[in-house]
Amino acid sequence: MMREFADLLDAFPTRAIPGTDFVASSDKSYAVYKEELEVTSCINTALGDRAFRGIALGENYFRLLGLNATAPRICEQK
């Protein structure tokens, strides 16, 4: 299932911006937050470079805000 979602994000790498209200909760411990972060970010390992930079590193957010910033190229080129 993760491969299908990663393929979708790779096909439309500029269409997603991650977000959560989980961190705004005052009744969550650091351990719970850490576990949630690990679960929700595991898909990042399956993304190609363009989708990873746009989604995980925030380049889509930079573009949305009109910032002149880019995320680094960190994935191996195929």
C-alpha atoms as a PDB file:
ATOM      1  CA  MET A   1       0.000   0.000   0.000  1.00  0.00           C
ATOM      2  CA  MET A   2       2.814   2.445   0.808  1.00  0.00           C
ATOM      3  CA  ARG A   3       4.281   1.957  -2.698  1.00  0.00           C
ATOM      4  CA  GLU A   4       0.981   3.044  -4.284  1.00  0.00           C
ATOM      5  CA  PHE A   5       0.877   6.225  -2.182  1.00  0.00           C
ATOM      6  CA  ALA A   6       4.540   6.957  -2.900  1.00  0.00           C
ATOM      7  CA  ASP A   7       3.901   6.465  -6.625  1.00  0.00           C
ATOM      8  CA  LEU A   8       0.990   8.913  -6.437  1.00  0.00           C
ATOM      9  CA  LEU A   9       3.115  11.508  -4.630  1.00  0.00           C
ATOM     10  CA  ASP A  10       5.955  10.968  -7.103  1.00  0.00           C
ATOM     11  CA  ALA A  11       3.507  11.483  -9.990  1.00  0.00           C
ATOM     12  CA  PHE A  12       2.253  14.774  -8.478  1.00  0.00           C
ATOM     13  CA  PRO A  13       5.212  16.014  -6.408  1.00  0.00           C
ATOM     14  CA  THR A  14       4.045  19.626  -6.193  1.00  0.00           C
ATOM     15  CA  ARG A  15       0.539  18.861  -4.914  1.00  0.00           C
ATOM     16  CA  ALA A  16       1.160  17.931  -1.273  1.00  0.00           C
ATOM     17  CA  ILE A  17       2.105  19.852   1.850  1.00  0.00           C
ATOM     18  CA  PRO A  18       2.369  17.866   5.068  1.00  0.00           C
ATOM     19  CA  GLY A  19       0.718  19.152   8.193  1.00  0.00           C
ATOM     20  CA  THR A  20      -0.660  18.005  11.484  1.00  0.00           C
ATOM     21  CA  ASP A  21      -2.458  19.304  14.515  1.00  0.00           C
ATOM     22  CA  PHE A  22      -0.861  16.544  16.578  1.00  0.00           C
ATOM     23  CA  VAL A  23       1.873  18.827  17.944  1.00  0.00           C
ATOM     24  CA  ALA A  24      -0.730  21.321  19.163  1.00  0.00           C
ATOM     25  CA  SER A  25      -2.096  18.827  21.662  1.00  0.00           C
ATOM     26  CA  SER A  26      -1.041  19.599  25.229  1.00  0.00           C
ATOM     27  CA  ASP A  27      -1.834  16.115  26.542  1.00  0.00           C
ATOM     28  CA  LYS A  28       0.697  14.221  24.376  1.00  0.00           C
ATOM     29  CA  SER A  29       4.096  13.230  25.723  1.00  0.00           C
ATOM     30  CA  TYR A  30       7.336  13.455  23.785  1.00  0.00           C
ATOM     31  CA  ALA A  31       7.369   9.652  23.441  1.00  0.00           C
ATOM     32  CA  VAL A  32       3.908   9.665  21.865  1.00  0.00           C
ATOM     33  CA  TYR A  33       4.904  12.501  19.522  1.00  0.00           C
ATOM     34  CA  LYS A  34       8.096  10.654  18.534  1.00  0.00           C
ATOM     35  CA  GLU A  35       6.159   7.493  17.724  1.00  0.00           C
ATOM     36  CA  GLU A  36       3.594   9.421  15.673  1.00  0.00           C
ATOM     37  CA  LEU A  37       6.351  11.200  13.756  1.00  0.00           C
ATOM     38  CA  GLU A  38       8.004   7.883  12.913  1.00  0.00           C
ATOM     39  CA  VAL A  39       4.712   6.388  11.701  1.00  0.00           C
ATOM     40  CA  THR A  40       3.648   9.355   9.600  1.00  0.00           C
ATOM     41  CA  SER A  41       7.056   9.985   8.037  1.00  0.00           C
ATOM     42  CA  CYS A  42       7.927   6.424   6.998  1.00  0.00           C
ATOM     43  CA  ILE A  43       6.578   7.064   3.486  1.00  0.00           C
ATOM     44  CA  ASN A  44       9.350   9.609   2.946  1.00  0.00           C
ATOM     45  CA  THR A  45      11.827   6.750   2.452  1.00  0.00           C
ATOM     46  CA  ALA A  46       9.859   5.597  -0.611  1.00  0.00           C
ATOM     47  CA  LEU A  47       9.675   8.977  -2.360  1.00  0.00           C
ATOM     48  CA  GLY A  48      11.801  10.067  -5.286  1.00  0.00           C
ATOM     49  CA  ASP A  49      14.014  13.144  -5.014  1.00  0.00           C
ATOM     50  CA  ARG A  50      11.529  15.695  -6.379  1.00  0.00           C
ATOM     51  CA  ALA A  51       8.634  14.574  -4.167  1.00  0.00           C
ATOM     52  CA  PHE A  52      10.900  14.245  -1.122  1.00  0.00           C
ATOM     53  CA  ARG A  53      12.283  17.758  -1.564  1.00  0.00           C
ATOM     54  CA  GLY A  54       8.830  19.210  -2.149  1.00  0.00           C
ATOM     55  CA  ILE A  55       6.985  17.393   0.612  1.00  0.00           C
ATOM     56  CA  ALA A  56       9.428  16.311   3.334  1.00  0.00           C
ATOM     57  CA  LEU A  57      11.865  19.214   2.994  1.00  0.00           C
ATOM     58  CA  GLY A  58       9.211  21.871   2.436  1.00  0.00           C
ATOM     59  CA  GLU A  59       9.907  23.147  -1.074  1.00  0.00           C
ATOM     60  CA  ASN A  60       6.170  23.044  -1.901  1.00  0.00           C
ATOM     61  CA  TYR A  61       5.543  25.263   1.124  1.00  0.00           C
ATOM     62  CA  PHE A  62       8.291  27.675   0.058  1.00  0.00           C
ATOM     63  CA  ARG A  63       6.698  27.966  -3.388  1.00  0.00           C
ATOM     64  CA  LEU A  64       3.206  28.460  -1.934  1.00  0.00           C
ATOM     65  CA  LEU A  65       4.482  31.356   0.162  1.00  0.00           C
ATOM     66  CA  GLY A  66       6.430  32.840  -2.744  1.00  0.00           C
ATOM     67  CA  LEU A  67       9.771  32.347  -1.004  1.00  0.00           C
ATOM     68  CA  ASN A  68      12.921  32.237  -3.090  1.00  0.00           C
ATOM     69  CA  ALA A  69      14.217  29.045  -1.481  1.00  0.00           C
ATOM     70  CA  THR A  70      14.826  25.480  -2.571  1.00  0.00           C
ATOM     71  CA  ALA A  71      15.410  22.262  -0.734  1.00  0.00           C
ATOM     72  CA  PRO A  72      18.733  20.458  -1.292  1.00  0.00           C
ATOM     73  CA  ARG A  73      19.033  17.518  -3.678  1.00  0.00           C
ATOM     74  CA  ILE A  74      19.766  14.628  -1.340  1.00  0.00           C
ATOM     75  CA  CYS A  75      18.484  11.478  -3.046  1.00  0.00           C
ATOM     76  CA  GLU A  76      20.566   9.411  -5.429  1.00  0.00           C
ATOM     77  CA  GLN A  77      19.853  10.101  -9.070  1.00  0.00           C
ATOM     78  CA  LYS A  78      18.576   7.095 -11.022  1.00  0.00           C
END
